[in-house]
Amino acid sequence: MLVLLILAQSMSMNELPFIIYDEGSRVSAVRASTINCSGTGITCTQDAGVVTIAAAASAVLAGQITDDSLPGATTTSATLVDLFTGSYTQQKAGGYVLVLISGSIYSTATNTEAAVSVTYDGVAASTEHRVFMNPLTTHTAYSAIFKVAASATTGAKAVAIRWRRVSGSGTLTTNSGDSAFITVMEVN
């Protein structure tokens, strides 16, 4: 009888053992009774009986630059020119950044195609995102993600949305109804 009492006291009824899975695959046949979340960029959440542990990709850092009103910007340039420029403080040296942009523009003529792209610390993205505008003076939304090499040094970095007219005769334009958003994410 004494043996049963010791066994009953060694495991609380509130400590139900966990089965640990990684992306749906069982990690070990041994059950765990405690979860310890530690380290930079590690978070734990619990929803009823499910615990989720998330790790940021090398503790991804992000910042957003916003301009809710871009009155009077225009271009007919066939080469990329700055539409909106801001500053981001880079926290880690090297790696790369993901620059996410969104906003809206319009054309003064139908059947006009524009391209948007970005620069980060003077380095241009190697791709463009195309925007076709058929209706006259209709604000057309754009959004794109660009991968650009990060600077080898930390500190303030200029980041810009750039635009150009690809085809058509319209003047690319913004007014107080247009906006621009830039989000920079550092990935090392």
N, C-alpha and C. Protein backbone atom coordinates (compact mmCIF):
# COMPACT_ATOMS: atom_id res chain seq x y z
N MET A 1 0.82 -1.19 0.00
CA MET A 1 0.00 0.00 0.00
C MET A 1 0.86 1.25 0.00
N LEU A 2 1.97 1.22 0.67
CA LEU A 2 2.88 2.35 0.72
C LEU A 2 3.46 2.65 -0.66
N VAL A 3 3.73 1.66 -1.46
CA VAL A 3 4.26 1.84 -2.80
C VAL A 3 3.26 2.60 -3.68
N LEU A 4 2.01 2.28 -3.59
CA LEU A 4 0.99 2.96 -4.38
C LEU A 4 0.88 4.43 -4.02
N LEU A 5 1.04 4.77 -2.77
CA LEU A 5 0.98 6.15 -2.34
C LEU A 5 2.14 6.96 -2.91
N ILE A 6 3.34 6.41 -2.96
CA ILE A 6 4.51 7.09 -3.51
C ILE A 6 4.34 7.30 -5.01
N LEU A 7 3.86 6.33 -5.73
CA LEU A 7 3.64 6.47 -7.17
C LEU A 7 2.59 7.52 -7.46
N ALA A 8 1.55 7.56 -6.69
CA ALA A 8 0.50 8.53 -6.91
C ALA A 8 0.98 9.94 -6.67
N GLN A 9 1.91 10.14 -5.76
CA GLN A 9 2.43 11.47 -5.47
C GLN A 9 3.51 11.91 -6.46
N SER A 10 4.12 11.02 -7.19
CA SER A 10 5.20 11.39 -8.09
C SER A 10 4.70 12.06 -9.38
N MET A 11 3.44 11.92 -9.72
CA MET A 11 2.91 12.55 -10.94
C MET A 11 1.54 13.16 -10.64
N SER A 12 1.46 14.46 -10.78
CA SER A 12 0.22 15.17 -10.53
C SER A 12 -0.77 14.86 -11.65
N MET A 13 -2.03 14.83 -11.33
CA MET A 13 -3.06 14.58 -12.33
C MET A 13 -3.17 15.76 -13.30
N ASN A 14 -2.63 16.97 -12.94
CA ASN A 14 -2.66 18.13 -13.82
C ASN A 14 -1.51 18.11 -14.83
N GLU A 15 -0.57 17.21 -14.70
CA GLU A 15 0.56 17.12 -15.62
C GLU A 15 0.32 16.01 -16.63
N LEU A 16 -0.46 16.31 -17.64
CA LEU A 16 -0.68 15.35 -18.70
C LEU A 16 0.49 15.44 -19.67
N PRO A 17 1.12 14.36 -20.00
CA PRO A 17 2.31 14.40 -20.87
C PRO A 17 1.95 14.85 -22.30
N PHE A 18 2.90 15.56 -22.93
CA PHE A 18 2.73 16.06 -24.29
C PHE A 18 3.36 15.10 -25.29
N ILE A 19 2.75 15.01 -26.45
CA ILE A 19 3.38 14.36 -27.59
C ILE A 19 3.86 15.52 -28.46
N ILE A 20 5.15 15.57 -28.78
CA ILE A 20 5.74 16.70 -29.50
C ILE A 20 5.79 16.39 -30.99
N TYR A 21 5.27 17.32 -31.81
CA TYR A 21 5.28 17.21 -33.26
C TYR A 21 6.02 18.40 -33.86
N ASP A 22 6.72 18.18 -34.96
CA ASP A 22 7.37 19.23 -35.73
C ASP A 22 6.81 19.16 -37.14
N GLU A 23 6.02 20.17 -37.54
CA GLU A 23 5.38 20.19 -38.85
C GLU A 23 4.62 18.90 -39.12
N GLY A 24 3.94 18.39 -38.10
CA GLY A 24 3.10 17.22 -38.26
C GLY A 24 3.78 15.88 -38.03
N SER A 25 5.10 15.87 -37.87
CA SER A 25 5.83 14.62 -37.63
C SER A 25 6.21 14.53 -36.15
N ARG A 26 5.97 13.36 -35.59
CA ARG A 26 6.29 13.16 -34.17
C ARG A 26 7.79 13.22 -33.97
N VAL A 27 8.24 14.01 -33.00
CA VAL A 27 9.65 14.22 -32.74
C VAL A 27 10.27 13.05 -31.98
N SER A 28 9.55 12.52 -30.98
CA SER A 28 10.11 11.46 -30.13
C SER A 28 8.98 10.59 -29.60
N ALA A 29 9.32 9.34 -29.29
CA ALA A 29 8.34 8.45 -28.69
C ALA A 29 8.16 8.77 -27.21
N VAL A 30 9.11 9.49 -26.63
CA VAL A 30 9.06 9.86 -25.21
C VAL A 30 8.19 11.11 -25.08
N ARG A 31 7.26 11.06 -24.14
CA ARG A 31 6.38 12.21 -23.92
C ARG A 31 7.05 13.21 -22.98
N ALA A 32 6.77 14.49 -23.21
CA ALA A 32 7.31 15.55 -22.35
C ALA A 32 6.21 16.06 -21.44
N SER A 33 6.58 16.56 -20.26
CA SER A 33 5.58 17.11 -19.35
C SER A 33 5.74 18.62 -19.16
N THR A 34 6.80 19.22 -19.73
CA THR A 34 7.05 20.65 -19.57
C THR A 34 7.52 21.22 -20.90
N ILE A 35 7.06 22.44 -21.22
CA ILE A 35 7.54 23.16 -22.39
C ILE A 35 8.25 24.41 -21.89
N ASN A 36 9.48 24.61 -22.33
CA ASN A 36 10.27 25.77 -21.93
C ASN A 36 10.60 26.57 -23.19
N CYS A 37 9.96 27.74 -23.36
CA CYS A 37 10.22 28.60 -24.51
C CYS A 37 11.28 29.61 -24.12
N SER A 38 12.41 29.58 -24.81
CA SER A 38 13.47 30.53 -24.49
C SER A 38 14.23 30.89 -25.75
N GLY A 39 14.92 32.03 -25.72
CA GLY A 39 15.72 32.47 -26.84
C GLY A 39 15.07 33.60 -27.59
N THR A 40 15.89 34.41 -28.26
CA THR A 40 15.42 35.54 -29.03
C THR A 40 14.57 35.08 -30.20
N GLY A 41 13.41 35.68 -30.34
CA GLY A 41 12.53 35.37 -31.46
C GLY A 41 11.70 34.11 -31.29
N ILE A 42 11.72 33.48 -30.10
CA ILE A 42 10.94 32.28 -29.83
C ILE A 42 9.68 32.69 -29.07
N THR A 43 8.51 32.26 -29.56
CA THR A 43 7.26 32.53 -28.86
C THR A 43 6.47 31.25 -28.71
N CYS A 44 5.70 31.17 -27.64
CA CYS A 44 4.82 30.03 -27.40
C CYS A 44 3.41 30.53 -27.19
N THR A 45 2.45 29.85 -27.79
CA THR A 45 1.05 30.16 -27.57
C THR A 45 0.31 28.86 -27.31
N GLN A 46 -0.81 28.96 -26.58
CA GLN A 46 -1.60 27.78 -26.29
C GLN A 46 -3.05 28.07 -26.62
N ASP A 47 -3.68 27.17 -27.38
CA ASP A 47 -5.08 27.25 -27.71
C ASP A 47 -5.69 25.92 -27.29
N ALA A 48 -6.39 25.95 -26.18
CA ALA A 48 -6.95 24.74 -25.58
C ALA A 48 -5.82 23.74 -25.34
N GLY A 49 -5.86 22.58 -25.96
CA GLY A 49 -4.85 21.56 -25.73
C GLY A 49 -3.67 21.59 -26.68
N VAL A 50 -3.58 22.62 -27.55
CA VAL A 50 -2.49 22.68 -28.53
C VAL A 50 -1.56 23.84 -28.19
N VAL A 51 -0.29 23.53 -28.07
CA VAL A 51 0.74 24.54 -27.84
C VAL A 51 1.50 24.72 -29.14
N THR A 52 1.67 25.98 -29.59
CA THR A 52 2.42 26.29 -30.79
C THR A 52 3.65 27.07 -30.41
N ILE A 53 4.81 26.60 -30.86
CA ILE A 53 6.07 27.28 -30.62
C ILE A 53 6.54 27.82 -31.96
N ALA A 54 6.78 29.12 -32.02
CA ALA A 54 7.19 29.77 -33.26
C ALA A 54 8.55 30.42 -33.09
N ALA A 55 9.38 30.27 -34.10
CA ALA A 55 10.70 30.89 -34.10
C ALA A 55 10.79 31.81 -35.31
N ALA A 56 11.14 33.05 -35.06
CA ALA A 56 11.32 34.01 -36.15
C ALA A 56 12.54 33.61 -36.95
N ALA A 57 12.51 33.88 -38.26
CA ALA A 57 13.65 33.57 -39.13
C ALA A 57 14.81 34.48 -38.74
N SER A 58 15.70 33.96 -37.95
CA SER A 58 16.83 34.73 -37.43
C SER A 58 16.35 36.03 -36.80
N ALA A 59 15.22 35.96 -36.10
CA ALA A 59 14.61 37.13 -35.47
C ALA A 59 14.45 38.25 -36.49
N VAL A 60 13.56 38.05 -37.44
CA VAL A 60 13.31 39.02 -38.50
C VAL A 60 12.90 40.36 -37.89
N LEU A 61 13.52 41.42 -38.35
CA LEU A 61 13.21 42.77 -37.89
C LEU A 61 12.48 43.50 -39.00
N ALA A 62 11.50 44.31 -38.64
CA ALA A 62 10.72 45.00 -39.66
C ALA A 62 10.37 46.41 -39.22
N GLY A 63 10.16 47.27 -40.20
CA GLY A 63 9.72 48.64 -39.95
C GLY A 63 8.89 49.10 -41.12
N GLN A 64 7.99 50.05 -40.87
CA GLN A 64 7.12 50.53 -41.94
C GLN A 64 7.26 52.04 -42.12
N ILE A 65 7.26 52.45 -43.38
CA ILE A 65 7.32 53.86 -43.77
C ILE A 65 6.04 54.13 -44.54
N THR A 66 5.29 55.17 -44.16
CA THR A 66 3.99 55.41 -44.75
C THR A 66 3.84 56.86 -45.18
N ASP A 67 3.22 57.07 -46.32
CA ASP A 67 2.79 58.40 -46.73
C ASP A 67 1.36 58.24 -47.21
N ASP A 68 0.40 58.78 -46.44
CA ASP A 68 -1.01 58.62 -46.77
C ASP A 68 -1.48 59.59 -47.84
N SER A 69 -0.62 60.49 -48.28
CA SER A 69 -1.03 61.44 -49.29
C SER A 69 0.16 61.82 -50.15
N LEU A 70 0.09 61.56 -51.43
CA LEU A 70 1.18 61.86 -52.37
C LEU A 70 0.71 62.88 -53.39
N PRO A 71 0.35 64.08 -52.97
CA PRO A 71 -0.22 65.03 -53.93
C PRO A 71 0.78 65.50 -54.97
N GLY A 72 0.31 65.52 -56.21
CA GLY A 72 1.06 66.17 -57.27
C GLY A 72 2.26 65.46 -57.84
N ALA A 73 2.52 64.21 -57.51
CA ALA A 73 3.64 63.51 -58.13
C ALA A 73 3.24 63.08 -59.53
N THR A 74 4.12 63.34 -60.51
CA THR A 74 3.85 62.94 -61.90
C THR A 74 5.13 62.46 -62.56
N THR A 75 4.97 61.62 -63.58
CA THR A 75 6.10 61.24 -64.42
C THR A 75 5.61 60.71 -65.76
N THR A 76 6.42 60.93 -66.78
CA THR A 76 6.26 60.28 -68.08
C THR A 76 7.56 59.59 -68.45
N SER A 77 8.47 59.52 -67.48
CA SER A 77 9.80 58.96 -67.71
C SER A 77 9.72 57.49 -68.12
N ALA A 78 10.57 57.10 -69.06
CA ALA A 78 10.67 55.70 -69.47
C ALA A 78 11.66 54.94 -68.59
N THR A 79 12.41 55.66 -67.76
CA THR A 79 13.33 55.03 -66.81
C THR A 79 12.82 55.28 -65.40
N LEU A 80 13.17 54.41 -64.49
CA LEU A 80 12.67 54.50 -63.11
C LEU A 80 13.14 55.79 -62.43
N VAL A 81 12.19 56.48 -61.79
CA VAL A 81 12.46 57.67 -60.99
C VAL A 81 11.75 57.50 -59.65
N ASP A 82 12.24 58.21 -58.63
CA ASP A 82 11.67 58.08 -57.29
C ASP A 82 10.24 58.63 -57.24
N LEU A 83 9.35 57.86 -56.63
CA LEU A 83 7.99 58.30 -56.34
C LEU A 83 7.89 58.71 -54.88
N PHE A 84 8.45 57.88 -53.99
CA PHE A 84 8.36 58.11 -52.55
C PHE A 84 9.63 57.56 -51.90
N THR A 85 10.25 58.37 -51.05
CA THR A 85 11.49 57.96 -50.38
C THR A 85 11.33 58.11 -48.87
N GLY A 86 11.83 57.15 -48.14
CA GLY A 86 11.81 57.20 -46.69
C GLY A 86 13.13 56.68 -46.14
N SER A 87 13.18 56.52 -44.84
CA SER A 87 14.39 56.04 -44.18
C SER A 87 14.04 54.89 -43.25
N TYR A 88 14.89 53.87 -43.26
CA TYR A 88 14.74 52.71 -42.39
C TYR A 88 16.05 52.51 -41.63
N THR A 89 15.98 52.22 -40.34
CA THR A 89 17.18 51.98 -39.54
C THR A 89 17.48 50.48 -39.53
N GLN A 90 18.52 50.09 -40.26
CA GLN A 90 18.91 48.68 -40.35
C GLN A 90 19.58 48.27 -39.05
N GLN A 91 19.11 47.14 -38.48
CA GLN A 91 19.60 46.66 -37.18
C GLN A 91 20.74 45.65 -37.28
N LYS A 92 20.78 44.89 -38.37
CA LYS A 92 21.80 43.85 -38.54
C LYS A 92 22.57 44.11 -39.83
N ALA A 93 23.84 43.80 -39.80
CA ALA A 93 24.68 43.98 -40.99
C ALA A 93 24.59 42.76 -41.89
N GLY A 94 24.53 42.99 -43.20
CA GLY A 94 24.55 41.90 -44.16
C GLY A 94 23.21 41.23 -44.34
N GLY A 95 23.24 40.07 -44.99
CA GLY A 95 22.01 39.35 -45.29
C GLY A 95 21.26 40.00 -46.43
N TYR A 96 19.96 40.01 -46.34
CA TYR A 96 19.15 40.69 -47.35
C TYR A 96 17.91 41.26 -46.69
N VAL A 97 17.22 42.13 -47.40
CA VAL A 97 15.97 42.69 -46.92
C VAL A 97 14.86 42.36 -47.91
N LEU A 98 13.68 42.19 -47.38
CA LEU A 98 12.48 42.10 -48.20
C LEU A 98 11.81 43.46 -48.09
N VAL A 99 11.58 44.10 -49.22
CA VAL A 99 10.93 45.40 -49.25
C VAL A 99 9.54 45.19 -49.84
N LEU A 100 8.52 45.38 -49.01
CA LEU A 100 7.13 45.21 -49.42
C LEU A 100 6.56 46.60 -49.69
N ILE A 101 5.96 46.79 -50.85
CA ILE A 101 5.39 48.10 -51.18
C ILE A 101 3.93 47.94 -51.58
N SER A 102 3.17 48.98 -51.34
CA SER A 102 1.80 49.04 -51.83
C SER A 102 1.40 50.50 -51.93
N GLY A 103 0.42 50.77 -52.73
CA GLY A 103 -0.05 52.13 -52.91
C GLY A 103 -0.99 52.21 -54.08
N SER A 104 -1.14 53.41 -54.61
CA SER A 104 -2.01 53.59 -55.76
C SER A 104 -1.51 54.76 -56.60
N ILE A 105 -1.78 54.66 -57.90
CA ILE A 105 -1.42 55.69 -58.88
C ILE A 105 -2.53 55.74 -59.92
N TYR A 106 -2.50 56.74 -60.79
CA TYR A 106 -3.44 56.76 -61.91
C TYR A 106 -2.77 57.38 -63.12
N SER A 107 -3.43 57.24 -64.27
CA SER A 107 -2.92 57.78 -65.52
C SER A 107 -3.91 58.80 -66.08
N THR A 108 -3.37 59.78 -66.81
CA THR A 108 -4.22 60.79 -67.44
C THR A 108 -4.74 60.34 -68.80
N ALA A 109 -4.36 59.14 -69.25
CA ALA A 109 -4.86 58.60 -70.52
C ALA A 109 -5.13 57.11 -70.36
N THR A 110 -6.05 56.59 -71.16
CA THR A 110 -6.36 55.16 -71.10
C THR A 110 -5.21 54.35 -71.68
N ASN A 111 -5.25 53.04 -71.40
CA ASN A 111 -4.28 52.09 -71.93
C ASN A 111 -2.83 52.48 -71.64
N THR A 112 -2.55 52.77 -70.40
CA THR A 112 -1.20 53.12 -69.98
C THR A 112 -0.68 52.05 -69.03
N GLU A 113 0.56 51.65 -69.24
CA GLU A 113 1.18 50.66 -68.36
C GLU A 113 2.33 51.32 -67.60
N ALA A 114 2.38 51.05 -66.30
CA ALA A 114 3.45 51.58 -65.45
C ALA A 114 4.21 50.42 -64.84
N ALA A 115 5.40 50.71 -64.34
CA ALA A 115 6.18 49.74 -63.58
C ALA A 115 6.60 50.39 -62.28
N VAL A 116 6.59 49.62 -61.20
CA VAL A 116 7.09 50.09 -59.91
C VAL A 116 8.20 49.15 -59.46
N SER A 117 9.14 49.70 -58.71
CA SER A 117 10.25 48.93 -58.18
C SER A 117 10.75 49.65 -56.93
N VAL A 118 11.89 49.22 -56.40
CA VAL A 118 12.43 49.83 -55.19
C VAL A 118 13.95 49.96 -55.27
N THR A 119 14.49 50.84 -54.44
CA THR A 119 15.91 50.86 -54.12
C THR A 119 16.04 50.81 -52.61
N TYR A 120 17.10 50.17 -52.14
CA TYR A 120 17.41 50.10 -50.72
C TYR A 120 18.87 50.46 -50.55
N ASP A 121 19.13 51.55 -49.88
CA ASP A 121 20.50 52.02 -49.64
C ASP A 121 21.27 52.14 -50.96
N GLY A 122 20.58 52.61 -52.00
CA GLY A 122 21.21 52.81 -53.30
C GLY A 122 21.26 51.58 -54.18
N VAL A 123 20.84 50.43 -53.66
CA VAL A 123 20.84 49.19 -54.45
C VAL A 123 19.45 48.98 -55.04
N ALA A 124 19.38 48.89 -56.36
CA ALA A 124 18.10 48.70 -57.03
C ALA A 124 17.69 47.24 -57.05
N ALA A 125 16.40 47.00 -56.87
CA ALA A 125 15.87 45.65 -57.03
C ALA A 125 16.06 45.23 -58.48
N SER A 126 16.22 43.95 -58.72
CA SER A 126 16.49 43.48 -60.08
C SER A 126 15.22 43.25 -60.89
N THR A 127 14.06 43.47 -60.27
CA THR A 127 12.80 43.23 -60.96
C THR A 127 11.87 44.44 -60.84
N GLU A 128 10.81 44.44 -61.64
CA GLU A 128 9.77 45.46 -61.60
C GLU A 128 8.41 44.77 -61.47
N HIS A 129 7.46 45.51 -60.96
CA HIS A 129 6.06 45.04 -60.93
C HIS A 129 5.27 45.93 -61.88
N ARG A 130 4.53 45.32 -62.80
CA ARG A 130 3.79 46.07 -63.82
C ARG A 130 2.36 46.35 -63.36
N VAL A 131 1.87 47.55 -63.71
CA VAL A 131 0.52 47.98 -63.39
C VAL A 131 -0.11 48.51 -64.68
N PHE A 132 -1.23 47.92 -65.10
CA PHE A 132 -1.91 48.38 -66.32
C PHE A 132 -3.13 49.20 -65.92
N MET A 133 -3.24 50.38 -66.50
CA MET A 133 -4.36 51.27 -66.20
C MET A 133 -5.15 51.52 -67.48
N ASN A 134 -6.38 51.02 -67.52
CA ASN A 134 -7.22 51.24 -68.69
C ASN A 134 -8.18 52.40 -68.48
N PRO A 135 -8.94 52.43 -67.39
CA PRO A 135 -9.85 53.57 -67.22
C PRO A 135 -9.06 54.86 -66.94
N LEU A 136 -9.56 55.93 -67.47
CA LEU A 136 -8.94 57.24 -67.30
C LEU A 136 -9.12 57.72 -65.85
N THR A 137 -8.04 58.19 -65.25
CA THR A 137 -7.98 58.77 -63.90
C THR A 137 -8.58 57.90 -62.80
N THR A 138 -8.60 56.59 -63.00
CA THR A 138 -9.03 55.67 -61.95
C THR A 138 -7.81 55.27 -61.14
N HIS A 139 -7.88 55.46 -59.84
CA HIS A 139 -6.76 55.11 -58.97
C HIS A 139 -6.57 53.59 -58.99
N THR A 140 -5.39 53.15 -59.38
CA THR A 140 -5.09 51.74 -59.53
C THR A 140 -4.10 51.32 -58.45
N ALA A 141 -4.47 50.29 -57.71
CA ALA A 141 -3.63 49.82 -56.61
C ALA A 141 -2.51 48.92 -57.14
N TYR A 142 -1.40 48.93 -56.42
CA TYR A 142 -0.29 48.02 -56.70
C TYR A 142 0.26 47.51 -55.37
N SER A 143 0.84 46.33 -55.41
CA SER A 143 1.56 45.79 -54.26
C SER A 143 2.56 44.78 -54.79
N ALA A 144 3.73 44.77 -54.17
CA ALA A 144 4.80 43.88 -54.63
C ALA A 144 5.81 43.67 -53.51
N ILE A 145 6.58 42.61 -53.62
CA ILE A 145 7.65 42.30 -52.67
C ILE A 145 8.94 42.14 -53.46
N PHE A 146 10.00 42.78 -52.98
CA PHE A 146 11.30 42.72 -53.64
C PHE A 146 12.36 42.25 -52.65
N LYS A 147 13.26 41.40 -53.11
CA LYS A 147 14.39 40.95 -52.30
C LYS A 147 15.63 41.72 -52.76
N VAL A 148 16.27 42.42 -51.81
CA VAL A 148 17.43 43.25 -52.13
C VAL A 148 18.53 42.96 -51.12
N ALA A 149 19.78 42.96 -51.57
CA ALA A 149 20.91 42.75 -50.65
C ALA A 149 20.93 43.86 -49.62
N ALA A 150 21.10 43.48 -48.35
CA ALA A 150 21.18 44.47 -47.27
C ALA A 150 22.57 45.07 -47.22
N SER A 151 22.67 46.22 -46.59
CA SER A 151 23.95 46.90 -46.43
C SER A 151 24.85 46.11 -45.48
N ALA A 152 26.14 46.23 -45.67
CA ALA A 152 27.10 45.58 -44.78
C ALA A 152 27.23 46.32 -43.46
N THR A 153 26.58 47.48 -43.34
CA THR A 153 26.63 48.26 -42.11
C THR A 153 25.22 48.53 -41.59
N THR A 154 25.11 48.77 -40.30
CA THR A 154 23.82 49.10 -39.70
C THR A 154 23.60 50.61 -39.78
N GLY A 155 22.40 51.06 -39.39
CA GLY A 155 22.10 52.48 -39.35
C GLY A 155 21.04 52.87 -40.36
N ALA A 156 20.83 54.18 -40.53
CA ALA A 156 19.78 54.71 -41.40
C ALA A 156 20.08 54.40 -42.87
N LYS A 157 19.08 53.89 -43.56
CA LYS A 157 19.20 53.54 -44.99
C LYS A 157 18.02 54.15 -45.75
N ALA A 158 18.31 54.74 -46.88
CA ALA A 158 17.25 55.29 -47.73
C ALA A 158 16.56 54.14 -48.47
N VAL A 159 15.25 54.20 -48.51
CA VAL A 159 14.47 53.21 -49.25
C VAL A 159 13.44 53.97 -50.07
N ALA A 160 13.27 53.58 -51.33
CA ALA A 160 12.39 54.35 -52.22
C ALA A 160 11.53 53.44 -53.09
N ILE A 161 10.30 53.90 -53.32
CA ILE A 161 9.46 53.33 -54.37
C ILE A 161 9.78 54.12 -55.63
N ARG A 162 10.03 53.40 -56.71
CA ARG A 162 10.35 54.05 -57.99
C ARG A 162 9.29 53.66 -59.00
N TRP A 163 9.07 54.51 -59.98
CA TRP A 163 8.05 54.24 -60.99
C TRP A 163 8.49 54.75 -62.35
N ARG A 164 7.86 54.20 -63.40
CA ARG A 164 8.13 54.65 -64.77
C ARG A 164 6.94 54.29 -65.65
N ARG A 165 6.81 55.00 -66.75
CA ARG A 165 5.78 54.66 -67.75
C ARG A 165 6.39 53.66 -68.71
N VAL A 166 5.75 52.52 -68.85
CA VAL A 166 6.22 51.46 -69.75
C VAL A 166 5.66 51.66 -71.15
N SER A 167 4.36 51.94 -71.23
CA SER A 167 3.72 52.14 -72.53
C SER A 167 2.51 53.05 -72.36
N GLY A 168 2.02 53.55 -73.49
CA GLY A 168 0.87 54.44 -73.47
C GLY A 168 1.31 55.90 -73.45
N SER A 169 0.33 56.79 -73.50
CA SER A 169 0.63 58.22 -73.59
C SER A 169 0.28 58.99 -72.34
N GLY A 170 -0.30 58.32 -71.35
CA GLY A 170 -0.75 59.02 -70.15
C GLY A 170 0.40 59.45 -69.24
N THR A 171 0.15 60.51 -68.49
CA THR A 171 1.07 60.94 -67.45
C THR A 171 0.72 60.18 -66.18
N LEU A 172 1.70 59.48 -65.60
CA LEU A 172 1.46 58.78 -64.34
C LEU A 172 1.37 59.84 -63.25
N THR A 173 0.35 59.71 -62.40
CA THR A 173 0.02 60.79 -61.48
C THR A 173 -0.42 60.23 -60.13
N THR A 174 -0.19 61.03 -59.08
CA THR A 174 -0.79 60.77 -57.77
C THR A 174 -1.44 62.07 -57.30
N ASN A 175 -2.43 61.91 -56.44
CA ASN A 175 -3.01 63.08 -55.77
C ASN A 175 -3.33 62.71 -54.34
N SER A 176 -4.08 63.56 -53.66
CA SER A 176 -4.34 63.33 -52.24
C SER A 176 -5.13 62.05 -51.98
N GLY A 177 -5.69 61.45 -53.02
CA GLY A 177 -6.39 60.18 -52.87
C GLY A 177 -5.48 58.96 -52.96
N ASP A 178 -4.20 59.18 -53.23
CA ASP A 178 -3.24 58.09 -53.36
C ASP A 178 -2.34 58.01 -52.13
N SER A 179 -1.76 56.85 -51.92
CA SER A 179 -0.88 56.64 -50.77
C SER A 179 0.25 55.71 -51.16
N ALA A 180 1.24 55.64 -50.29
CA ALA A 180 2.37 54.73 -50.50
C ALA A 180 2.77 54.13 -49.17
N PHE A 181 3.04 52.85 -49.17
CA PHE A 181 3.46 52.14 -47.96
C PHE A 181 4.68 51.30 -48.28
N ILE A 182 5.68 51.38 -47.42
CA ILE A 182 6.88 50.57 -47.55
C ILE A 182 7.09 49.82 -46.24
N THR A 183 7.28 48.53 -46.31
CA THR A 183 7.65 47.74 -45.14
C THR A 183 8.97 47.06 -45.46
N VAL A 184 9.94 47.20 -44.57
CA VAL A 184 11.26 46.59 -44.74
C VAL A 184 11.40 45.49 -43.70
N MET A 185 11.79 44.30 -44.16
CA MET A 185 12.04 43.18 -43.25
C MET A 185 13.46 42.69 -43.45
N GLU A 186 14.24 42.69 -42.37
CA GLU A 186 15.62 42.19 -42.45
C GLU A 186 15.61 40.69 -42.25
N VAL A 187 16.32 39.98 -43.10
CA VAL A 187 16.44 38.53 -42.99
C VAL A 187 17.91 38.19 -43.10
N ASN A 188 18.46 37.60 -42.07
CA ASN A 188 19.89 37.23 -42.07
C ASN A 188 20.01 35.73 -42.09
